[in-house]
N, C-alpha and C. Protein backbone atom coordinates (compact mmCIF):
# COMPACT_ATOMS: atom_id res chain seq x y z
N ASN A 1 0.83 -1.22 0.00
CA ASN A 1 0.00 0.00 0.00
C ASN A 1 0.86 1.27 0.00
N TRP A 2 2.16 1.16 0.22
CA TRP A 2 3.06 2.30 0.17
C TRP A 2 3.84 2.36 -1.14
N GLY A 3 3.41 1.58 -2.13
CA GLY A 3 4.03 1.66 -3.45
C GLY A 3 5.24 0.78 -3.66
N ARG A 4 5.48 -0.18 -2.76
CA ARG A 4 6.62 -1.08 -2.94
C ARG A 4 6.16 -2.43 -3.48
N ALA A 5 7.05 -3.07 -4.26
CA ALA A 5 6.78 -4.41 -4.81
C ALA A 5 7.73 -5.41 -4.17
N PHE A 6 7.20 -6.58 -3.86
CA PHE A 6 7.99 -7.70 -3.34
C PHE A 6 7.78 -8.89 -4.27
N ARG A 7 8.77 -9.76 -4.34
CA ARG A 7 8.65 -10.93 -5.20
C ARG A 7 9.05 -12.17 -4.44
N LEU A 8 8.22 -13.19 -4.51
CA LEU A 8 8.50 -14.49 -3.90
C LEU A 8 8.20 -15.58 -4.92
N ARG A 9 9.00 -16.62 -4.90
CA ARG A 9 8.65 -17.81 -5.70
C ARG A 9 7.66 -18.63 -4.87
N CYS A 10 6.75 -19.30 -5.54
CA CYS A 10 5.69 -20.02 -4.81
C CYS A 10 6.25 -21.04 -3.83
N TYR A 11 7.36 -21.71 -4.19
CA TYR A 11 7.90 -22.72 -3.28
C TYR A 11 8.50 -22.10 -2.02
N GLU A 12 8.70 -20.78 -2.00
CA GLU A 12 9.21 -20.12 -0.80
C GLU A 12 8.10 -19.86 0.23
N LEU A 13 6.84 -20.00 -0.20
CA LEU A 13 5.72 -19.81 0.73
C LEU A 13 5.50 -21.09 1.53
N PRO A 14 5.28 -20.97 2.84
CA PRO A 14 5.06 -22.18 3.64
C PRO A 14 3.73 -22.85 3.28
N THR A 15 3.76 -24.16 3.20
CA THR A 15 2.55 -24.93 2.91
C THR A 15 1.83 -25.23 4.22
N GLY A 16 0.51 -25.07 4.23
CA GLY A 16 -0.26 -25.34 5.44
C GLY A 16 -1.45 -26.21 5.12
N SER A 17 -2.03 -26.78 6.14
CA SER A 17 -3.23 -27.59 5.94
C SER A 17 -4.45 -26.68 5.80
N ARG A 18 -5.58 -27.26 5.44
CA ARG A 18 -6.80 -26.48 5.24
C ARG A 18 -7.24 -25.78 6.52
N GLU A 19 -7.00 -26.41 7.67
CA GLU A 19 -7.42 -25.84 8.95
C GLU A 19 -6.39 -24.88 9.54
N ALA A 20 -5.21 -24.80 8.95
CA ALA A 20 -4.13 -23.97 9.51
C ALA A 20 -4.47 -22.49 9.44
N ARG A 21 -3.94 -21.73 10.37
CA ARG A 21 -4.20 -20.30 10.45
C ARG A 21 -3.39 -19.51 9.42
N GLY A 22 -2.27 -20.05 8.99
CA GLY A 22 -1.42 -19.35 8.04
C GLY A 22 -0.26 -18.66 8.73
N THR A 23 0.57 -18.01 7.94
CA THR A 23 1.77 -17.33 8.44
C THR A 23 1.62 -15.84 8.22
N ALA A 24 2.02 -15.05 9.19
CA ALA A 24 1.97 -13.59 9.05
C ALA A 24 2.91 -13.16 7.94
N LEU A 25 2.45 -12.24 7.09
CA LEU A 25 3.26 -11.78 5.96
C LEU A 25 4.57 -11.14 6.41
N ILE A 26 4.56 -10.54 7.56
CA ILE A 26 5.78 -9.88 8.06
C ILE A 26 6.91 -10.88 8.26
N ASN A 27 6.57 -12.18 8.41
CA ASN A 27 7.59 -13.23 8.52
C ASN A 27 8.09 -13.70 7.17
N ILE A 28 7.44 -13.24 6.08
CA ILE A 28 7.81 -13.70 4.74
C ILE A 28 8.47 -12.58 3.94
N VAL A 29 7.93 -11.36 4.03
CA VAL A 29 8.53 -10.20 3.34
C VAL A 29 8.80 -9.11 4.37
N GLN A 30 9.74 -8.24 4.06
CA GLN A 30 10.19 -7.23 5.02
C GLN A 30 9.32 -5.98 4.93
N LEU A 31 8.15 -6.04 5.56
CA LEU A 31 7.23 -4.91 5.59
C LEU A 31 7.63 -3.94 6.70
N ASP A 32 7.44 -2.65 6.45
CA ASP A 32 7.66 -1.65 7.49
C ASP A 32 6.44 -1.58 8.40
N PRO A 33 6.57 -1.05 9.62
CA PRO A 33 5.40 -0.91 10.51
C PRO A 33 4.31 -0.07 9.84
N GLY A 34 3.09 -0.59 9.83
CA GLY A 34 1.96 0.10 9.20
C GLY A 34 1.77 -0.20 7.73
N GLU A 35 2.73 -0.87 7.11
CA GLU A 35 2.64 -1.21 5.69
C GLU A 35 1.90 -2.53 5.53
N SER A 36 1.13 -2.68 4.46
CA SER A 36 0.41 -3.93 4.22
C SER A 36 0.43 -4.27 2.74
N ILE A 37 0.12 -5.53 2.44
CA ILE A 37 0.06 -5.99 1.05
C ILE A 37 -1.34 -5.69 0.53
N SER A 38 -1.42 -4.99 -0.60
CA SER A 38 -2.74 -4.62 -1.13
C SER A 38 -3.11 -5.38 -2.39
N ALA A 39 -2.13 -5.96 -3.10
CA ALA A 39 -2.45 -6.60 -4.37
C ALA A 39 -1.50 -7.75 -4.68
N PRO A 40 -1.81 -8.97 -4.23
CA PRO A 40 -0.98 -10.11 -4.62
C PRO A 40 -1.29 -10.55 -6.06
N LEU A 41 -0.26 -10.87 -6.82
CA LEU A 41 -0.43 -11.32 -8.20
C LEU A 41 0.36 -12.61 -8.41
N ALA A 42 -0.22 -13.53 -9.17
CA ALA A 42 0.50 -14.74 -9.58
C ALA A 42 0.97 -14.52 -11.01
N ILE A 43 2.29 -14.55 -11.22
CA ILE A 43 2.86 -14.25 -12.53
C ILE A 43 3.69 -15.44 -12.98
N GLU A 44 3.32 -16.01 -14.13
CA GLU A 44 4.04 -17.17 -14.65
C GLU A 44 5.28 -16.76 -15.43
N ASN A 45 5.18 -15.67 -16.23
CA ASN A 45 6.25 -15.31 -17.14
C ASN A 45 6.44 -13.79 -17.16
N PHE A 46 7.58 -13.33 -16.69
CA PHE A 46 7.85 -11.89 -16.66
C PHE A 46 8.20 -11.34 -18.04
N GLU A 47 8.43 -12.20 -19.02
CA GLU A 47 8.82 -11.75 -20.35
C GLU A 47 7.66 -11.82 -21.34
N ALA A 48 6.43 -11.92 -20.86
CA ALA A 48 5.29 -12.13 -21.76
C ALA A 48 4.80 -10.86 -22.44
N GLY A 49 5.42 -9.73 -22.18
CA GLY A 49 5.01 -8.48 -22.82
C GLY A 49 3.80 -7.85 -22.17
N GLU A 50 3.50 -8.22 -20.94
CA GLU A 50 2.33 -7.68 -20.26
C GLU A 50 2.70 -6.42 -19.47
N SER A 51 1.67 -5.71 -19.03
CA SER A 51 1.86 -4.49 -18.25
C SER A 51 1.15 -4.62 -16.91
N LEU A 52 1.62 -3.84 -15.95
CA LEU A 52 0.93 -3.70 -14.68
C LEU A 52 0.15 -2.39 -14.70
N ILE A 53 -1.13 -2.44 -14.35
CA ILE A 53 -1.96 -1.25 -14.20
C ILE A 53 -2.18 -1.07 -12.70
N MET A 54 -1.76 0.09 -12.18
CA MET A 54 -1.86 0.35 -10.74
C MET A 54 -2.83 1.50 -10.49
N GLY A 55 -3.60 1.38 -9.41
CA GLY A 55 -4.55 2.44 -9.04
C GLY A 55 -4.42 2.78 -7.57
N THR A 56 -4.63 4.05 -7.25
CA THR A 56 -4.51 4.50 -5.87
C THR A 56 -5.84 4.98 -5.31
N ALA A 57 -5.89 5.12 -4.00
CA ALA A 57 -7.12 5.53 -3.30
C ALA A 57 -7.53 6.96 -3.67
N LEU A 58 -6.58 7.81 -4.07
CA LEU A 58 -6.91 9.18 -4.44
C LEU A 58 -7.04 9.38 -5.94
N GLY A 59 -7.17 8.26 -6.69
CA GLY A 59 -7.55 8.35 -8.10
C GLY A 59 -6.42 8.44 -9.10
N GLU A 60 -5.20 8.06 -8.72
CA GLU A 60 -4.10 8.06 -9.69
C GLU A 60 -3.97 6.69 -10.33
N VAL A 61 -3.45 6.67 -11.57
CA VAL A 61 -3.26 5.43 -12.30
C VAL A 61 -1.86 5.43 -12.90
N LYS A 62 -1.28 4.25 -12.98
CA LYS A 62 0.05 4.11 -13.58
C LYS A 62 0.09 2.83 -14.40
N ARG A 63 0.77 2.89 -15.54
CA ARG A 63 1.00 1.69 -16.36
C ARG A 63 2.50 1.51 -16.51
N ALA A 64 3.00 0.30 -16.23
CA ALA A 64 4.43 0.02 -16.35
C ALA A 64 4.62 -1.39 -16.89
N ALA A 65 5.66 -1.57 -17.70
CA ALA A 65 5.96 -2.88 -18.26
C ALA A 65 6.34 -3.85 -17.15
N LEU A 66 5.82 -5.06 -17.23
CA LEU A 66 6.09 -6.08 -16.23
C LEU A 66 7.59 -6.40 -16.15
N THR A 67 8.30 -6.28 -17.26
CA THR A 67 9.73 -6.60 -17.29
C THR A 67 10.55 -5.71 -16.36
N ARG A 68 10.02 -4.56 -15.98
CA ARG A 68 10.74 -3.66 -15.07
C ARG A 68 10.80 -4.21 -13.63
N TYR A 69 10.05 -5.29 -13.36
CA TYR A 69 9.96 -5.84 -12.01
C TYR A 69 10.54 -7.25 -11.91
N VAL A 70 11.41 -7.60 -12.85
CA VAL A 70 12.00 -8.94 -12.84
C VAL A 70 12.91 -9.13 -11.63
N THR A 71 13.76 -8.15 -11.37
CA THR A 71 14.68 -8.26 -10.24
C THR A 71 14.18 -7.39 -9.10
N VAL A 72 13.81 -8.02 -8.02
CA VAL A 72 13.30 -7.31 -6.84
C VAL A 72 14.17 -7.71 -5.64
N ARG A 73 14.66 -6.71 -4.93
CA ARG A 73 15.48 -6.98 -3.75
C ARG A 73 14.63 -7.54 -2.61
N LYS A 74 15.29 -8.14 -1.65
CA LYS A 74 14.61 -8.73 -0.48
C LYS A 74 13.78 -7.68 0.26
N LYS A 75 14.31 -6.44 0.32
CA LYS A 75 13.59 -5.37 1.04
C LYS A 75 12.51 -4.72 0.18
N GLY A 76 12.29 -5.24 -1.02
CA GLY A 76 11.27 -4.67 -1.90
C GLY A 76 11.88 -3.67 -2.87
N LEU A 77 11.02 -3.18 -3.76
CA LEU A 77 11.43 -2.29 -4.83
C LEU A 77 10.34 -1.25 -5.01
N LEU A 78 10.71 0.00 -5.19
CA LEU A 78 9.70 1.03 -5.40
C LEU A 78 8.98 0.77 -6.71
N ALA A 79 7.67 0.56 -6.64
CA ALA A 79 6.87 0.29 -7.83
C ALA A 79 6.14 1.54 -8.30
N MET A 80 5.82 2.44 -7.37
CA MET A 80 5.08 3.66 -7.72
C MET A 80 5.35 4.71 -6.66
N ASP A 81 5.71 5.90 -7.10
CA ASP A 81 5.93 7.02 -6.20
C ASP A 81 4.56 7.63 -5.87
N LEU A 82 4.21 7.66 -4.58
CA LEU A 82 2.88 8.10 -4.17
C LEU A 82 2.90 9.50 -3.59
N ASP A 83 1.79 10.22 -3.78
CA ASP A 83 1.62 11.52 -3.14
C ASP A 83 1.34 11.31 -1.65
N LYS A 84 1.51 12.37 -0.88
CA LYS A 84 1.24 12.31 0.56
C LYS A 84 -0.23 11.91 0.80
N ASN A 85 -0.47 11.06 1.75
CA ASN A 85 -1.80 10.57 2.15
C ASN A 85 -2.44 9.63 1.13
N ASP A 86 -1.74 9.28 0.06
CA ASP A 86 -2.30 8.35 -0.92
C ASP A 86 -1.77 6.94 -0.63
N GLU A 87 -2.49 5.92 -1.11
CA GLU A 87 -2.08 4.53 -0.94
C GLU A 87 -2.32 3.77 -2.23
N LEU A 88 -1.40 2.87 -2.55
CA LEU A 88 -1.57 1.97 -3.68
C LEU A 88 -2.55 0.87 -3.25
N GLY A 89 -3.65 0.76 -3.96
CA GLY A 89 -4.67 -0.19 -3.54
C GLY A 89 -4.90 -1.36 -4.48
N TRP A 90 -4.59 -1.17 -5.79
CA TRP A 90 -4.94 -2.19 -6.77
C TRP A 90 -3.85 -2.28 -7.83
N VAL A 91 -3.51 -3.51 -8.19
CA VAL A 91 -2.58 -3.77 -9.29
C VAL A 91 -3.18 -4.90 -10.11
N ARG A 92 -3.30 -4.67 -11.41
CA ARG A 92 -3.86 -5.67 -12.31
C ARG A 92 -2.87 -5.95 -13.44
N LEU A 93 -2.87 -7.17 -13.94
CA LEU A 93 -1.99 -7.60 -15.02
C LEU A 93 -2.76 -7.47 -16.34
N SER A 94 -2.21 -6.71 -17.29
CA SER A 94 -2.93 -6.44 -18.54
C SER A 94 -2.15 -6.93 -19.75
N ASN A 95 -2.90 -7.32 -20.77
CA ASN A 95 -2.27 -7.77 -22.02
C ASN A 95 -2.08 -6.61 -23.00
N GLY A 96 -2.46 -5.40 -22.63
CA GLY A 96 -2.26 -4.24 -23.49
C GLY A 96 -3.50 -3.75 -24.20
N ASP A 97 -4.62 -4.47 -24.09
CA ASP A 97 -5.83 -4.08 -24.83
C ASP A 97 -7.05 -4.06 -23.91
N SER A 98 -6.89 -3.59 -22.71
CA SER A 98 -7.99 -3.61 -21.74
C SER A 98 -8.54 -2.22 -21.48
N GLY A 99 -9.79 -2.19 -21.04
CA GLY A 99 -10.33 -0.97 -20.47
C GLY A 99 -9.98 -0.94 -19.00
N VAL A 100 -9.97 0.27 -18.43
CA VAL A 100 -9.70 0.44 -17.00
C VAL A 100 -10.91 1.14 -16.39
N MET A 101 -11.39 0.62 -15.25
CA MET A 101 -12.50 1.26 -14.55
C MET A 101 -12.10 1.57 -13.12
N PHE A 102 -12.41 2.80 -12.70
CA PHE A 102 -12.26 3.23 -11.31
C PHE A 102 -13.67 3.37 -10.74
N PHE A 103 -13.88 2.90 -9.51
CA PHE A 103 -15.15 3.03 -8.81
C PHE A 103 -14.91 3.77 -7.51
N THR A 104 -15.82 4.69 -7.15
CA THR A 104 -15.63 5.45 -5.93
C THR A 104 -16.70 5.14 -4.90
N ARG A 105 -16.43 5.53 -3.67
CA ARG A 105 -17.35 5.31 -2.55
C ARG A 105 -18.69 6.01 -2.78
N ASP A 106 -18.68 7.15 -3.52
CA ASP A 106 -19.91 7.90 -3.78
C ASP A 106 -20.69 7.39 -4.98
N GLY A 107 -20.31 6.22 -5.53
CA GLY A 107 -21.08 5.62 -6.62
C GLY A 107 -20.74 6.14 -8.00
N ILE A 108 -19.56 6.72 -8.17
CA ILE A 108 -19.12 7.23 -9.46
C ILE A 108 -18.15 6.24 -10.08
N ALA A 109 -18.20 6.09 -11.42
CA ALA A 109 -17.27 5.21 -12.12
C ALA A 109 -16.75 5.93 -13.37
N ILE A 110 -15.52 5.66 -13.72
CA ILE A 110 -14.96 6.16 -14.98
C ILE A 110 -14.37 4.97 -15.72
N HIS A 111 -14.51 4.99 -17.06
CA HIS A 111 -14.07 3.90 -17.91
C HIS A 111 -13.23 4.49 -19.03
N PHE A 112 -11.98 4.06 -19.15
CA PHE A 112 -11.11 4.54 -20.22
C PHE A 112 -10.20 3.40 -20.67
N HIS A 113 -9.63 3.55 -21.87
CA HIS A 113 -8.74 2.52 -22.40
C HIS A 113 -7.36 2.69 -21.79
N GLU A 114 -6.69 1.57 -21.54
CA GLU A 114 -5.37 1.65 -20.90
C GLU A 114 -4.36 2.41 -21.74
N GLU A 115 -4.57 2.51 -23.06
CA GLU A 115 -3.64 3.27 -23.90
C GLU A 115 -3.66 4.76 -23.57
N GLY A 116 -4.69 5.20 -22.86
CA GLY A 116 -4.74 6.59 -22.41
C GLY A 116 -3.76 6.89 -21.29
N VAL A 117 -3.11 5.85 -20.78
CA VAL A 117 -2.09 5.99 -19.74
C VAL A 117 -0.77 5.57 -20.36
N ARG A 118 0.14 6.52 -20.57
CA ARG A 118 1.41 6.14 -21.20
C ARG A 118 2.22 5.28 -20.23
N SER A 119 2.98 4.35 -20.78
CA SER A 119 3.82 3.49 -19.97
C SER A 119 4.95 4.31 -19.38
N SER A 120 5.22 4.13 -18.09
CA SER A 120 6.22 4.95 -17.41
C SER A 120 7.24 4.09 -16.69
N GLY A 121 8.26 4.72 -16.16
CA GLY A 121 9.34 4.03 -15.48
C GLY A 121 8.91 3.46 -14.14
N ARG A 122 9.76 2.61 -13.61
CA ARG A 122 9.43 1.90 -12.38
C ARG A 122 9.24 2.83 -11.19
N THR A 123 10.08 3.87 -11.06
CA THR A 123 10.04 4.70 -9.86
C THR A 123 9.15 5.94 -10.01
N SER A 124 8.52 6.11 -11.15
CA SER A 124 7.71 7.32 -11.36
C SER A 124 6.37 7.22 -10.63
N GLY A 125 5.71 8.34 -10.51
CA GLY A 125 4.36 8.37 -9.94
C GLY A 125 3.33 8.10 -11.01
N GLY A 126 2.07 8.26 -10.65
CA GLY A 126 0.99 8.02 -11.59
C GLY A 126 0.47 9.32 -12.18
N VAL A 127 -0.58 9.18 -12.98
CA VAL A 127 -1.29 10.32 -13.54
C VAL A 127 -2.74 10.24 -13.09
N ARG A 128 -3.48 11.32 -13.25
CA ARG A 128 -4.86 11.38 -12.79
C ARG A 128 -5.73 10.38 -13.55
N GLY A 129 -6.35 9.44 -12.84
CA GLY A 129 -7.26 8.48 -13.45
C GLY A 129 -8.70 8.97 -13.37
N ILE A 130 -9.09 9.49 -12.20
CA ILE A 130 -10.43 10.04 -11.98
C ILE A 130 -10.30 11.26 -11.08
N ARG A 131 -11.09 12.28 -11.37
CA ARG A 131 -11.11 13.49 -10.54
C ARG A 131 -12.18 13.29 -9.48
N LEU A 132 -11.77 13.22 -8.22
CA LEU A 132 -12.69 12.90 -7.12
C LEU A 132 -13.34 14.15 -6.54
N ASN A 133 -14.58 13.99 -6.10
CA ASN A 133 -15.23 15.05 -5.32
C ASN A 133 -14.62 15.07 -3.92
N LYS A 134 -14.86 16.14 -3.20
CA LYS A 134 -14.31 16.26 -1.85
C LYS A 134 -14.79 15.10 -0.98
N ASP A 135 -13.89 14.52 -0.21
CA ASP A 135 -14.16 13.40 0.71
C ASP A 135 -14.48 12.08 0.03
N ASP A 136 -14.47 12.02 -1.31
CA ASP A 136 -14.69 10.75 -2.00
C ASP A 136 -13.36 10.01 -2.10
N ARG A 137 -13.42 8.67 -2.20
CA ARG A 137 -12.22 7.84 -2.35
C ARG A 137 -12.51 6.73 -3.34
N VAL A 138 -11.48 6.26 -3.99
CA VAL A 138 -11.61 5.10 -4.88
C VAL A 138 -11.72 3.86 -4.02
N ILE A 139 -12.67 2.97 -4.36
CA ILE A 139 -12.83 1.74 -3.59
C ILE A 139 -12.48 0.50 -4.44
N SER A 140 -12.32 0.69 -5.76
CA SER A 140 -11.95 -0.44 -6.59
C SER A 140 -11.42 0.04 -7.94
N VAL A 141 -10.45 -0.69 -8.48
CA VAL A 141 -9.94 -0.48 -9.84
C VAL A 141 -9.89 -1.85 -10.49
N ASP A 142 -10.42 -1.96 -11.71
CA ASP A 142 -10.43 -3.25 -12.38
C ASP A 142 -10.28 -3.05 -13.88
N LEU A 143 -9.95 -4.15 -14.59
CA LEU A 143 -9.80 -4.12 -16.04
C LEU A 143 -11.04 -4.72 -16.68
N THR A 144 -11.35 -4.26 -17.91
CA THR A 144 -12.59 -4.68 -18.56
C THR A 144 -12.35 -5.11 -20.00
N THR A 145 -13.30 -5.92 -20.51
CA THR A 145 -13.48 -6.13 -21.94
C THR A 145 -14.93 -5.76 -22.25
N GLU A 146 -15.28 -5.70 -23.51
CA GLU A 146 -16.62 -5.23 -23.90
C GLU A 146 -17.75 -6.12 -23.40
N ASP A 147 -17.49 -7.41 -23.20
CA ASP A 147 -18.57 -8.34 -22.82
C ASP A 147 -18.71 -8.53 -21.32
N ASP A 148 -17.97 -7.78 -20.53
CA ASP A 148 -18.00 -7.94 -19.08
C ASP A 148 -19.20 -7.24 -18.44
N TYR A 149 -19.38 -7.54 -17.16
CA TYR A 149 -20.39 -6.88 -16.33
C TYR A 149 -19.70 -6.29 -15.10
N VAL A 150 -20.38 -5.36 -14.46
CA VAL A 150 -19.89 -4.76 -13.22
C VAL A 150 -20.88 -5.12 -12.12
N ILE A 151 -20.37 -5.58 -10.98
CA ILE A 151 -21.19 -5.80 -9.78
C ILE A 151 -20.81 -4.74 -8.76
N ILE A 152 -21.79 -4.02 -8.25
CA ILE A 152 -21.55 -2.98 -7.24
C ILE A 152 -22.35 -3.33 -5.99
N VAL A 153 -21.72 -3.24 -4.81
CA VAL A 153 -22.36 -3.57 -3.54
C VAL A 153 -22.18 -2.40 -2.58
N THR A 154 -23.26 -2.08 -1.85
CA THR A 154 -23.19 -0.97 -0.89
C THR A 154 -23.09 -1.49 0.54
N ALA A 155 -22.81 -0.58 1.45
CA ALA A 155 -22.57 -0.94 2.86
C ALA A 155 -23.77 -1.62 3.50
N ASN A 156 -24.99 -1.27 3.09
CA ASN A 156 -26.19 -1.84 3.71
C ASN A 156 -26.79 -2.98 2.90
N GLY A 157 -25.99 -3.59 2.03
CA GLY A 157 -26.42 -4.81 1.35
C GLY A 157 -27.15 -4.63 0.04
N TYR A 158 -27.20 -3.43 -0.51
CA TYR A 158 -27.81 -3.23 -1.83
C TYR A 158 -26.75 -3.50 -2.90
N GLY A 159 -27.19 -3.93 -4.06
CA GLY A 159 -26.24 -4.19 -5.14
C GLY A 159 -26.92 -4.17 -6.49
N LYS A 160 -26.10 -4.08 -7.53
CA LYS A 160 -26.64 -4.14 -8.88
C LYS A 160 -25.58 -4.66 -9.83
N LYS A 161 -26.05 -5.21 -10.95
CA LYS A 161 -25.17 -5.71 -12.01
C LYS A 161 -25.45 -4.91 -13.26
N ILE A 162 -24.39 -4.39 -13.89
CA ILE A 162 -24.53 -3.50 -15.05
C ILE A 162 -23.58 -3.98 -16.15
N PRO A 163 -24.02 -4.03 -17.41
CA PRO A 163 -23.08 -4.34 -18.50
C PRO A 163 -22.04 -3.22 -18.64
N VAL A 164 -20.80 -3.60 -18.86
CA VAL A 164 -19.74 -2.61 -19.04
C VAL A 164 -20.05 -1.68 -20.21
N LYS A 165 -20.78 -2.18 -21.23
CA LYS A 165 -21.13 -1.37 -22.41
C LYS A 165 -21.90 -0.10 -22.03
N GLU A 166 -22.57 -0.11 -20.86
CA GLU A 166 -23.34 1.07 -20.45
C GLU A 166 -22.45 2.21 -19.95
N PHE A 167 -21.18 1.91 -19.72
CA PHE A 167 -20.24 2.95 -19.29
C PHE A 167 -19.41 3.36 -20.51
N ARG A 168 -19.80 4.44 -21.17
CA ARG A 168 -19.04 4.86 -22.36
C ARG A 168 -17.62 5.20 -21.95
N ARG A 169 -16.71 4.92 -22.84
CA ARG A 169 -15.30 5.22 -22.55
C ARG A 169 -15.07 6.72 -22.62
N GLN A 170 -14.32 7.23 -21.66
CA GLN A 170 -13.97 8.64 -21.60
C GLN A 170 -12.45 8.76 -21.62
N SER A 171 -11.99 9.98 -21.59
CA SER A 171 -10.56 10.21 -21.39
C SER A 171 -10.28 10.06 -19.90
N ARG A 172 -9.11 9.56 -19.56
CA ARG A 172 -8.77 9.44 -18.15
C ARG A 172 -8.68 10.84 -17.53
N GLY A 173 -8.91 10.91 -16.22
CA GLY A 173 -8.82 12.18 -15.52
C GLY A 173 -10.12 12.95 -15.44
N GLY A 174 -11.22 12.38 -15.95
CA GLY A 174 -12.51 13.06 -15.89
C GLY A 174 -13.24 12.81 -14.58
N LYS A 175 -14.47 13.33 -14.50
CA LYS A 175 -15.28 13.18 -13.29
C LYS A 175 -16.02 11.84 -13.25
N GLY A 176 -16.15 11.16 -14.39
CA GLY A 176 -16.82 9.87 -14.42
C GLY A 176 -18.34 10.00 -14.53
N LEU A 177 -19.02 8.88 -14.41
CA LEU A 177 -20.48 8.79 -14.52
C LEU A 177 -21.06 8.16 -13.26
N LYS A 178 -22.30 8.47 -12.96
CA LYS A 178 -22.96 7.86 -11.81
C LYS A 178 -23.26 6.40 -12.13
N ALA A 179 -22.77 5.50 -11.28
CA ALA A 179 -22.95 4.07 -11.50
C ALA A 179 -24.10 3.51 -10.68
N ILE A 180 -24.43 4.16 -9.55
CA ILE A 180 -25.50 3.70 -8.68
C ILE A 180 -26.03 4.89 -7.89
N ASN A 181 -27.36 4.94 -7.74
CA ASN A 181 -27.97 6.00 -6.92
C ASN A 181 -27.89 5.59 -5.45
N LEU A 182 -27.27 6.44 -4.66
CA LEU A 182 -27.11 6.15 -3.24
C LEU A 182 -28.06 6.98 -2.39
N ALA A 183 -28.49 6.40 -1.28
CA ALA A 183 -29.35 7.10 -0.32
C ALA A 183 -28.92 6.66 1.07
N LYS A 184 -29.58 7.20 2.09
CA LYS A 184 -29.24 6.83 3.46
C LYS A 184 -29.43 5.34 3.69
N LYS A 185 -30.49 4.76 3.06
CA LYS A 185 -30.76 3.35 3.30
C LYS A 185 -29.75 2.43 2.60
N THR A 186 -29.11 2.89 1.53
CA THR A 186 -28.14 2.05 0.83
C THR A 186 -26.75 2.11 1.47
N GLY A 187 -26.38 3.29 1.96
CA GLY A 187 -25.01 3.48 2.44
C GLY A 187 -24.07 3.66 1.27
N PRO A 188 -22.79 3.92 1.54
CA PRO A 188 -21.83 4.13 0.45
C PRO A 188 -21.46 2.83 -0.25
N VAL A 189 -20.83 2.93 -1.40
CA VAL A 189 -20.33 1.74 -2.11
C VAL A 189 -19.13 1.20 -1.34
N VAL A 190 -19.12 -0.12 -1.13
CA VAL A 190 -18.00 -0.75 -0.42
C VAL A 190 -17.22 -1.72 -1.31
N ALA A 191 -17.83 -2.15 -2.41
CA ALA A 191 -17.13 -3.09 -3.31
C ALA A 191 -17.66 -2.96 -4.71
N ALA A 192 -16.78 -3.12 -5.68
CA ALA A 192 -17.17 -3.14 -7.09
C ALA A 192 -16.19 -4.07 -7.82
N ARG A 193 -16.69 -4.96 -8.64
CA ARG A 193 -15.86 -5.90 -9.35
C ARG A 193 -16.35 -6.04 -10.79
N VAL A 194 -15.41 -6.23 -11.70
CA VAL A 194 -15.73 -6.55 -13.08
C VAL A 194 -15.74 -8.07 -13.20
N ILE A 195 -16.83 -8.62 -13.76
CA ILE A 195 -16.97 -10.07 -13.90
C ILE A 195 -17.30 -10.40 -15.35
N SER A 196 -17.00 -11.63 -15.76
CA SER A 196 -17.34 -12.07 -17.11
C SER A 196 -18.58 -12.93 -17.07
């Protein structure tokens, strides 16, 4: 969540039984106090020509070639330079032809093509993905294709499913579109996922 990347081979992870509690991540990677893992990814081939799409809580987006993360030190590697009070929340693996959607707590969504985000260096920061209203935060970032659907769930158990086609593609950095009407009885949006 502080913009660092760590790399482990699967055989380095301890194997546990189904009933086991698991191992604390701090015993596996060198996290700083208050730092947490926000986006685990399983990667088979670092040379496949894929990109990482990263999104932050304050609406920034970054695209970087996966090959820039082949060698990662034990203490981690800076993956994205973050602004003050921002956190890296989502990282997705893209083949280069995906749409990107940001969803906010206030029920706003923006949809743009990943080509609208130029590929940047490993240590650089991001660019504006969505312009947030005051006190709003991003609650999810996901990749899309034309045939996908979006599931949105609110704090009080309301939800809806919408075809991605209903969200016209915009330029990144805009205000987005209303994805769900919120009221006191619904509560804010707490989760949004793109599904096939």
